[in-house]
Amino acid sequence: MSDTANPGSGPSPADSPITVALIDDNRLVREGLTALLSRVPDVRVIPGEPGSSQWSSEGRTLDVILLDLGLDNRGSVRVAQAVVQEFPGTRVIVMDLLPSEEDMLEFVAVGVSGFVMKDAALDDLLMTIRAVAAGEDVLPRPLVNTLFADIAKELHSSVGPSVSSAVRLTSREREVLDLIGDGMSNKAIGKALHISTHTVKSHLRNIMEKLNLHSRLQLAVYQHGEETAT
């Protein structure tokens, strides 16, 4: 798993732009971010109003949704869950000044792909967007050491020992899961195990289905929870 200090290389401006939607009920934040991101060659911003159905209608072509954690009436969790379930190809980044452990656990549980601090530098925001669009999961560095172990423990506990013990992963799936926990990309896992990236993705789909998880971040914290439990 990555953090914003080393989220991996992103696409070059020559590649297809990353399509991004902003869901934030603060108009100043929304318009400011839209203006900044619109200047970036490899990012295309889809404008929209919070609460509108635009993210839904555009969902099949969106790469990333930047989602404000503090939407009214806890709407952020509902939006994140709907996107993950309806548009698995669209990845969600949650934005907040300092999300609590409980907030992060809740969003990880519904399958978001990363978090970014609202006071992050533009370069950190762009690295997070590019990393998430490339299939990585990102936690900001200030949160990694302080919250990751607790989130992993809680998520692992929520699966329950009876479910966990009933899941039977193949030896290869176990190897892939362990490397996901080490923060390795699909390409790096394939190289380490001498298999194709396509095969790695196939194993990931099988593992997620068996564990009823929905993102690499969930897999990483689940694997970390298994380590701390043994």
C-alpha atoms as a PDB file:
ATOM      1  CA  MET A   1       0.000   0.000   0.000  1.00  0.00           C
ATOM      2  CA  SER A   2       1.184   3.482  -0.830  1.00  0.00           C
ATOM      3  CA  ASP A   3       1.284   6.766   0.990  1.00  0.00           C
ATOM      4  CA  THR A   4       1.406  10.182  -0.590  1.00  0.00           C
ATOM      5  CA  ALA A   5       5.184  10.379  -0.241  1.00  0.00           C
ATOM      6  CA  ASN A   6       5.633   7.527  -2.696  1.00  0.00           C
ATOM      7  CA  PRO A   7       2.383   6.763  -4.479  1.00  0.00           C
ATOM      8  CA  GLY A   8       3.944   5.467  -7.661  1.00  0.00           C
ATOM      9  CA  SER A   9       4.302   6.972 -11.086  1.00  0.00           C
ATOM     10  CA  GLY A  10       1.202   8.327 -12.768  1.00  0.00           C
ATOM     11  CA  PRO A  11       0.209   8.574 -16.396  1.00  0.00           C
ATOM     12  CA  SER A  12       1.982  11.032 -18.612  1.00  0.00           C
ATOM     13  CA  PRO A  13       0.052  13.841 -20.272  1.00  0.00           C
ATOM     14  CA  ALA A  14       0.286  11.888 -23.521  1.00  0.00           C
ATOM     15  CA  ASP A  15      -1.966   9.166 -22.083  1.00  0.00           C
ATOM     16  CA  SER A  16      -5.748   9.400 -21.898  1.00  0.00           C
ATOM     17  CA  PRO A  17      -6.629  11.930 -19.193  1.00  0.00           C
ATOM     18  CA  ILE A  18      -7.842  10.750 -15.805  1.00  0.00           C
ATOM     19  CA  THR A  19     -11.501  11.678 -15.508  1.00  0.00           C
ATOM     20  CA  VAL A  20     -12.282  13.107 -12.070  1.00  0.00           C
ATOM     21  CA  ALA A  21     -15.514  14.280 -10.441  1.00  0.00           C
ATOM     22  CA  LEU A  22     -15.659  16.432  -7.297  1.00  0.00           C
ATOM     23  CA  ILE A  23     -18.399  15.913  -4.730  1.00  0.00           C
ATOM     24  CA  ASP A  24     -18.113  18.647  -2.097  1.00  0.00           C
ATOM     25  CA  ASP A  25     -20.907  20.839  -0.752  1.00  0.00           C
ATOM     26  CA  ASN A  26     -18.509  23.755  -0.196  1.00  0.00           C
ATOM     27  CA  ARG A  27     -18.783  25.739  -3.418  1.00  0.00           C
ATOM     28  CA  LEU A  28     -15.505  27.582  -2.862  1.00  0.00           C
ATOM     29  CA  VAL A  29     -13.585  24.329  -2.362  1.00  0.00           C
ATOM     30  CA  ARG A  30     -15.323  22.694  -5.316  1.00  0.00           C
ATOM     31  CA  GLU A  31     -14.690  25.545  -7.724  1.00  0.00           C
ATOM     32  CA  GLY A  32     -11.152  26.121  -6.476  1.00  0.00           C
ATOM     33  CA  LEU A  33     -10.164  22.488  -6.949  1.00  0.00           C
ATOM     34  CA  THR A  34     -11.861  22.384 -10.335  1.00  0.00           C
ATOM     35  CA  ALA A  35      -9.877  25.436 -11.456  1.00  0.00           C
ATOM     36  CA  LEU A  36      -6.588  23.963 -10.246  1.00  0.00           C
ATOM     37  CA  LEU A  37      -7.125  20.478 -11.655  1.00  0.00           C
ATOM     38  CA  SER A  38      -8.367  21.829 -14.991  1.00  0.00           C
ATOM     39  CA  ARG A  39      -4.863  23.165 -15.622  1.00  0.00           C
ATOM     40  CA  VAL A  40      -3.318  19.700 -15.333  1.00  0.00           C
ATOM     41  CA  PRO A  41      -2.832  18.038 -18.761  1.00  0.00           C
ATOM     42  CA  ASP A  42      -3.525  14.458 -17.639  1.00  0.00           C
ATOM     43  CA  VAL A  43      -6.661  15.265 -15.609  1.00  0.00           C
ATOM     44  CA  ARG A  44     -10.139  16.058 -16.934  1.00  0.00           C
ATOM     45  CA  VAL A  45     -12.599  17.376 -14.353  1.00  0.00           C
ATOM     46  CA  ILE A  46     -16.291  16.558 -14.677  1.00  0.00           C
ATOM     47  CA  PRO A  47     -18.111  19.463 -12.985  1.00  0.00           C
ATOM     48  CA  GLY A  48     -21.179  18.793 -10.900  1.00  0.00           C
ATOM     49  CA  GLU A  49     -23.196  19.861  -7.905  1.00  0.00           C
ATOM     50  CA  PRO A  50     -23.281  17.877  -4.652  1.00  0.00           C
ATOM     51  CA  GLY A  51     -26.329  15.683  -4.429  1.00  0.00           C
ATOM     52  CA  SER A  52     -26.840  15.718  -8.171  1.00  0.00           C
ATOM     53  CA  SER A  53     -27.071  12.534 -10.192  1.00  0.00           C
ATOM     54  CA  GLN A  54     -24.195  13.586 -12.422  1.00  0.00           C
ATOM     55  CA  TRP A  55     -21.708  11.255 -10.760  1.00  0.00           C
ATOM     56  CA  SER A  56     -24.167   8.440 -11.443  1.00  0.00           C
ATOM     57  CA  SER A  57     -24.729   9.269 -15.099  1.00  0.00           C
ATOM     58  CA  GLU A  58     -20.997   9.765 -15.643  1.00  0.00           C
ATOM     59  CA  GLY A  59     -19.994   6.886 -13.390  1.00  0.00           C
ATOM     60  CA  ARG A  60     -19.209   4.397 -16.106  1.00  0.00           C
ATOM     61  CA  THR A  61     -16.587   6.685 -17.619  1.00  0.00           C
ATOM     62  CA  LEU A  62     -15.163   8.227 -14.435  1.00  0.00           C
ATOM     63  CA  ASP A  63     -11.797   7.070 -13.152  1.00  0.00           C
ATOM     64  CA  VAL A  64     -11.821   8.843  -9.779  1.00  0.00           C
ATOM     65  CA  ILE A  65     -14.312  10.613  -7.533  1.00  0.00           C
ATOM     66  CA  LEU A  66     -12.974  13.084  -4.967  1.00  0.00           C
ATOM     67  CA  LEU A  67     -15.498  12.884  -2.160  1.00  0.00           C
ATOM     68  CA  ASP A  68     -15.824  15.293   0.765  1.00  0.00           C
ATOM     69  CA  LEU A  69     -16.131  13.312   3.996  1.00  0.00           C
ATOM     70  CA  GLY A  70     -18.465  15.863   5.550  1.00  0.00           C
ATOM     71  CA  LEU A  71     -21.519  15.850   3.282  1.00  0.00           C
ATOM     72  CA  ASP A  72     -24.761  16.560   5.128  1.00  0.00           C
ATOM     73  CA  ASN A  73     -26.603  13.702   6.862  1.00  0.00           C
ATOM     74  CA  ARG A  74     -23.661  11.326   6.496  1.00  0.00           C
ATOM     75  CA  GLY A  75     -24.258  11.283   2.771  1.00  0.00           C
ATOM     76  CA  SER A  76     -20.579  10.656   2.021  1.00  0.00           C
ATOM     77  CA  VAL A  77     -20.670   7.032   3.147  1.00  0.00           C
ATOM     78  CA  ARG A  78     -23.818   6.375   1.118  1.00  0.00           C
ATOM     79  CA  VAL A  79     -22.288   7.938  -1.998  1.00  0.00           C
ATOM     80  CA  ALA A  80     -19.036   5.994  -1.569  1.00  0.00           C
ATOM     81  CA  GLN A  81     -20.879   2.723  -1.129  1.00  0.00           C
ATOM     82  CA  ALA A  82     -23.119   3.376  -4.138  1.00  0.00           C
ATOM     83  CA  VAL A  83     -20.163   4.181  -6.387  1.00  0.00           C
ATOM     84  CA  VAL A  84     -18.203   1.096  -5.300  1.00  0.00           C
ATOM     85  CA  GLN A  85     -21.194  -1.186  -5.821  1.00  0.00           C
ATOM     86  CA  GLU A  86     -22.560   0.301  -9.051  1.00  0.00           C
ATOM     87  CA  PHE A  87     -19.325   1.337 -10.792  1.00  0.00           C
ATOM     88  CA  PRO A  88     -16.426  -0.924  -9.729  1.00  0.00           C
ATOM     89  CA  GLY A  89     -14.178   0.744 -12.296  1.00  0.00           C
ATOM     90  CA  THR A  90     -14.575   4.127 -10.569  1.00  0.00           C
ATOM     91  CA  ARG A  91     -12.358   4.620  -7.528  1.00  0.00           C
ATOM     92  CA  VAL A  92     -13.155   6.893  -4.586  1.00  0.00           C
ATOM     93  CA  ILE A  93     -10.780   9.212  -2.707  1.00  0.00           C
ATOM     94  CA  VAL A  94     -12.141  10.698   0.518  1.00  0.00           C
ATOM     95  CA  MET A  95     -11.094  14.246   1.422  1.00  0.00           C
ATOM     96  CA  ASP A  96     -11.001  15.657   4.952  1.00  0.00           C
ATOM     97  CA  LEU A  97      -8.795  17.811   7.182  1.00  0.00           C
ATOM     98  CA  LEU A  98      -8.146  14.980   9.636  1.00  0.00           C
ATOM     99  CA  PRO A  99     -10.439  11.945   9.398  1.00  0.00           C
ATOM    100  CA  SER A 100     -10.951  10.057  12.632  1.00  0.00           C
ATOM    101  CA  GLU A 101     -10.129   6.390  13.057  1.00  0.00           C
ATOM    102  CA  GLU A 102     -13.853   5.602  13.076  1.00  0.00           C
ATOM    103  CA  ASP A 103     -14.400   7.529   9.831  1.00  0.00           C
ATOM    104  CA  MET A 104     -11.512   5.817   8.077  1.00  0.00           C
ATOM    105  CA  LEU A 105     -12.662   2.388   9.209  1.00  0.00           C
ATOM    106  CA  GLU A 106     -16.172   3.055   7.928  1.00  0.00           C
ATOM    107  CA  PHE A 107     -14.971   4.218   4.512  1.00  0.00           C
ATOM    108  CA  VAL A 108     -12.439   1.386   4.178  1.00  0.00           C
ATOM    109  CA  ALA A 109     -15.267  -1.034   4.968  1.00  0.00           C
ATOM    110  CA  VAL A 110     -17.358   0.223   2.031  1.00  0.00           C
ATOM    111  CA  GLY A 111     -14.395  -0.011  -0.353  1.00  0.00           C
ATOM    112  CA  VAL A 112     -12.873   3.438  -0.917  1.00  0.00           C
ATOM    113  CA  SER A 113      -9.421   3.508  -2.485  1.00  0.00           C
ATOM    114  CA  GLY A 114      -7.723   6.296  -0.570  1.00  0.00           C
ATOM    115  CA  PHE A 115      -7.744   9.375   1.587  1.00  0.00           C
ATOM    116  CA  VAL A 116      -6.224  12.791   1.052  1.00  0.00           C
ATOM    117  CA  MET A 117      -5.891  15.640   3.523  1.00  0.00           C
ATOM    118  CA  LYS A 118      -7.713  18.825   2.551  1.00  0.00           C
ATOM    119  CA  ASP A 119      -4.606  20.827   3.441  1.00  0.00           C
ATOM    120  CA  ALA A 120      -2.385  18.681   1.205  1.00  0.00           C
ATOM    121  CA  ALA A 121      -0.178  20.327  -1.384  1.00  0.00           C
ATOM    122  CA  LEU A 122      -1.436  20.190  -4.967  1.00  0.00           C
ATOM    123  CA  ASP A 123       1.438  17.847  -5.900  1.00  0.00           C
ATOM    124  CA  ASP A 124       0.342  15.407  -3.172  1.00  0.00           C
ATOM    125  CA  LEU A 125      -3.253  15.561  -4.380  1.00  0.00           C
ATOM    126  CA  LEU A 126      -2.167  14.862  -7.955  1.00  0.00           C
ATOM    127  CA  MET A 127       0.076  11.982  -6.891  1.00  0.00           C
ATOM    128  CA  THR A 128      -2.834  10.498  -4.948  1.00  0.00           C
ATOM    129  CA  ILE A 129      -5.210  10.829  -7.910  1.00  0.00           C
ATOM    130  CA  ARG A 130      -2.688   9.271 -10.295  1.00  0.00           C
ATOM    131  CA  ALA A 131      -1.816   6.429  -7.938  1.00  0.00           C
ATOM    132  CA  VAL A 132      -5.457   5.563  -7.252  1.00  0.00           C
ATOM    133  CA  ALA A 133      -6.320   5.760 -10.954  1.00  0.00           C
ATOM    134  CA  ALA A 134      -3.441   3.335 -11.592  1.00  0.00           C
ATOM    135  CA  GLY A 135      -4.920   0.815  -9.163  1.00  0.00           C
ATOM    136  CA  GLU A 136      -3.081   1.637  -5.945  1.00  0.00           C
ATOM    137  CA  ASP A 137      -4.581   2.479  -2.556  1.00  0.00           C
ATOM    138  CA  VAL A 138      -3.301   5.521  -0.737  1.00  0.00           C
ATOM    139  CA  LEU A 139      -3.223   6.713   2.858  1.00  0.00           C
ATOM    140  CA  PRO A 140      -1.635  10.062   3.697  1.00  0.00           C
ATOM    141  CA  ARG A 141       1.611   9.656   5.624  1.00  0.00           C
ATOM    142  CA  PRO A 142       0.390  11.401   8.840  1.00  0.00           C
ATOM    143  CA  LEU A 143      -2.289   8.716   9.194  1.00  0.00           C
ATOM    144  CA  VAL A 144      -0.408   5.576   8.223  1.00  0.00           C
ATOM    145  CA  ASN A 145       1.548   4.796  11.375  1.00  0.00           C
ATOM    146  CA  THR A 146      -1.049   6.049  13.845  1.00  0.00           C
ATOM    147  CA  LEU A 147      -4.194   4.477  12.414  1.00  0.00           C
ATOM    148  CA  PHE A 148      -3.335   1.633  10.061  1.00  0.00           C
ATOM    149  CA  ALA A 149      -2.818  -1.078  12.692  1.00  0.00           C
ATOM    150  CA  ASP A 150      -6.045  -0.212  14.508  1.00  0.00           C
ATOM    151  CA  ILE A 151      -8.032  -0.123  11.261  1.00  0.00           C
ATOM    152  CA  ALA A 152      -6.575  -3.474  10.259  1.00  0.00           C
ATOM    153  CA  LYS A 153      -7.457  -4.996  13.618  1.00  0.00           C
ATOM    154  CA  GLU A 154     -11.039  -3.701  13.489  1.00  0.00           C
ATOM    155  CA  LEU A 155     -11.630  -4.774   9.892  1.00  0.00           C
ATOM    156  CA  HIS A 156     -10.188  -8.210  10.545  1.00  0.00           C
ATOM    157  CA  SER A 157     -12.392  -8.545  13.631  1.00  0.00           C
ATOM    158  CA  SER A 158     -15.464  -7.490  11.652  1.00  0.00           C
ATOM    159  CA  VAL A 159     -14.955 -10.416   9.270  1.00  0.00           C
ATOM    160  CA  GLY A 160     -15.252 -12.673  12.309  1.00  0.00           C
ATOM    161  CA  PRO A 161     -13.221 -15.755  13.228  1.00  0.00           C
ATOM    162  CA  SER A 162     -15.850 -18.164  11.904  1.00  0.00           C
ATOM    163  CA  VAL A 163     -15.886 -16.507   8.487  1.00  0.00           C
ATOM    164  CA  SER A 164     -12.107 -16.079   8.452  1.00  0.00           C
ATOM    165  CA  SER A 165     -11.432 -19.696   9.352  1.00  0.00           C
ATOM    166  CA  ALA A 166     -13.976 -20.907   6.796  1.00  0.00           C
ATOM    167  CA  VAL A 167     -12.238 -19.087   3.918  1.00  0.00           C
ATOM    168  CA  ARG A 168      -9.840 -21.297   2.035  1.00  0.00           C
ATOM    169  CA  LEU A 169      -7.340 -19.477  -0.134  1.00  0.00           C
ATOM    170  CA  THR A 170      -5.063 -21.378  -2.458  1.00  0.00           C
ATOM    171  CA  SER A 171      -1.325 -21.188  -1.818  1.00  0.00           C
ATOM    172  CA  ARG A 172      -0.960 -18.819  -4.764  1.00  0.00           C
ATOM    173  CA  GLU A 173      -3.806 -16.612  -3.565  1.00  0.00           C
ATOM    174  CA  ARG A 174      -2.135 -16.500  -0.146  1.00  0.00           C
ATOM    175  CA  GLU A 175       1.128 -15.390  -1.771  1.00  0.00           C
ATOM    176  CA  VAL A 176      -0.670 -12.637  -3.686  1.00  0.00           C
ATOM    177  CA  LEU A 177      -2.490 -11.485  -0.544  1.00  0.00           C
ATOM    178  CA  ASP A 178       0.774 -11.319   1.421  1.00  0.00           C
ATOM    179  CA  LEU A 179       2.382  -9.176  -1.287  1.00  0.00           C
ATOM    180  CA  ILE A 180      -0.669  -6.881  -1.376  1.00  0.00           C
ATOM    181  CA  GLY A 181      -0.109  -6.406   2.351  1.00  0.00           C
ATOM    182  CA  ASP A 182       3.481  -5.393   1.562  1.00  0.00           C
ATOM    183  CA  GLY A 183       2.146  -2.629  -0.684  1.00  0.00           C
ATOM    184  CA  MET A 184       3.296  -4.130  -3.980  1.00  0.00           C
ATOM    185  CA  SER A 185       1.663  -3.229  -7.294  1.00  0.00           C
ATOM    186  CA  ASN A 186       0.159  -5.840  -9.624  1.00  0.00           C
ATOM    187  CA  LYS A 187       3.186  -5.551 -11.897  1.00  0.00           C
ATOM    188  CA  ALA A 188       5.620  -6.055  -9.010  1.00  0.00           C
ATOM    189  CA  ILE A 189       3.619  -9.030  -7.704  1.00  0.00           C
ATOM    190  CA  GLY A 190       3.648 -10.622 -11.136  1.00  0.00           C
ATOM    191  CA  LYS A 191       7.412 -10.177 -11.384  1.00  0.00           C
ATOM    192  CA  ALA A 192       7.980 -11.595  -7.899  1.00  0.00           C
ATOM    193  CA  LEU A 193       5.800 -14.651  -8.542  1.00  0.00           C
ATOM    194  CA  HIS A 194       6.755 -15.070 -12.221  1.00  0.00           C
ATOM    195  CA  ILE A 195       3.166 -14.727 -13.428  1.00  0.00           C
ATOM    196  CA  SER A 196       1.438 -12.243 -15.729  1.00  0.00           C
ATOM    197  CA  THR A 197      -0.295  -9.097 -14.497  1.00  0.00           C
ATOM    198  CA  HIS A 198      -3.534 -10.521 -15.907  1.00  0.00           C
ATOM    199  CA  THR A 199      -3.114 -13.595 -13.705  1.00  0.00           C
ATOM    200  CA  VAL A 200      -2.461 -11.381 -10.669  1.00  0.00           C
ATOM    201  CA  LYS A 201      -5.711  -9.521 -11.334  1.00  0.00           C
ATOM    202  CA  SER A 202      -7.562 -12.823 -11.659  1.00  0.00           C
ATOM    203  CA  HIS A 203      -6.225 -13.956  -8.274  1.00  0.00           C
ATOM    204  CA  LEU A 204      -7.237 -10.599  -6.747  1.00  0.00           C
ATOM    205  CA  ARG A 205     -10.803 -10.977  -8.005  1.00  0.00           C
ATOM    206  CA  ASN A 206     -10.995 -14.476  -6.532  1.00  0.00           C
ATOM    207  CA  ILE A 207      -9.575 -13.357  -3.184  1.00  0.00           C
ATOM    208  CA  MET A 208     -11.965 -10.398  -2.941  1.00  0.00           C
ATOM    209  CA  GLU A 209     -14.911 -12.648  -3.745  1.00  0.00           C
ATOM    210  CA  LYS A 210     -13.905 -15.234  -1.137  1.00  0.00           C
ATOM    211  CA  LEU A 211     -13.324 -12.621   1.585  1.00  0.00           C
ATOM    212  CA  ASN A 212     -16.252 -10.412   0.535  1.00  0.00           C
ATOM    213  CA  LEU A 213     -13.938  -7.402   0.255  1.00  0.00           C
ATOM    214  CA  HIS A 214     -14.049  -4.713  -2.411  1.00  0.00           C
ATOM    215  CA  SER A 215     -10.661  -2.970  -2.705  1.00  0.00           C
ATOM    216  CA  ARG A 216      -6.915  -3.476  -2.415  1.00  0.00           C
ATOM    217  CA  LEU A 217      -6.947  -1.310   0.698  1.00  0.00           C
ATOM    218  CA  GLN A 218      -9.381  -3.690   2.365  1.00  0.00           C
ATOM    219  CA  LEU A 219      -7.195  -6.631   1.334  1.00  0.00           C
ATOM    220  CA  ALA A 220      -4.109  -4.929   2.747  1.00  0.00           C
ATOM    221  CA  VAL A 221      -5.678  -4.183   6.109  1.00  0.00           C
ATOM    222  CA  TYR A 222      -7.179  -7.685   6.267  1.00  0.00           C
ATOM    223  CA  GLN A 223      -3.771  -9.230   5.625  1.00  0.00           C
ATOM    224  CA  HIS A 224      -2.172  -6.952   8.209  1.00  0.00           C
ATOM    225  CA  GLY A 225      -4.856  -7.933  10.710  1.00  0.00           C
ATOM    226  CA  GLU A 226      -4.081 -11.604  10.132  1.00  0.00           C
ATOM    227  CA  GLU A 227      -0.417 -10.953  10.860  1.00  0.00           C
ATOM    228  CA  THR A 228      -1.122  -9.122  14.101  1.00  0.00           C
ATOM    229  CA  ALA A 229      -3.573 -11.810  15.185  1.00  0.00           C
ATOM    230  CA  THR A 230      -1.027 -14.625  14.837  1.00  0.00           C
END
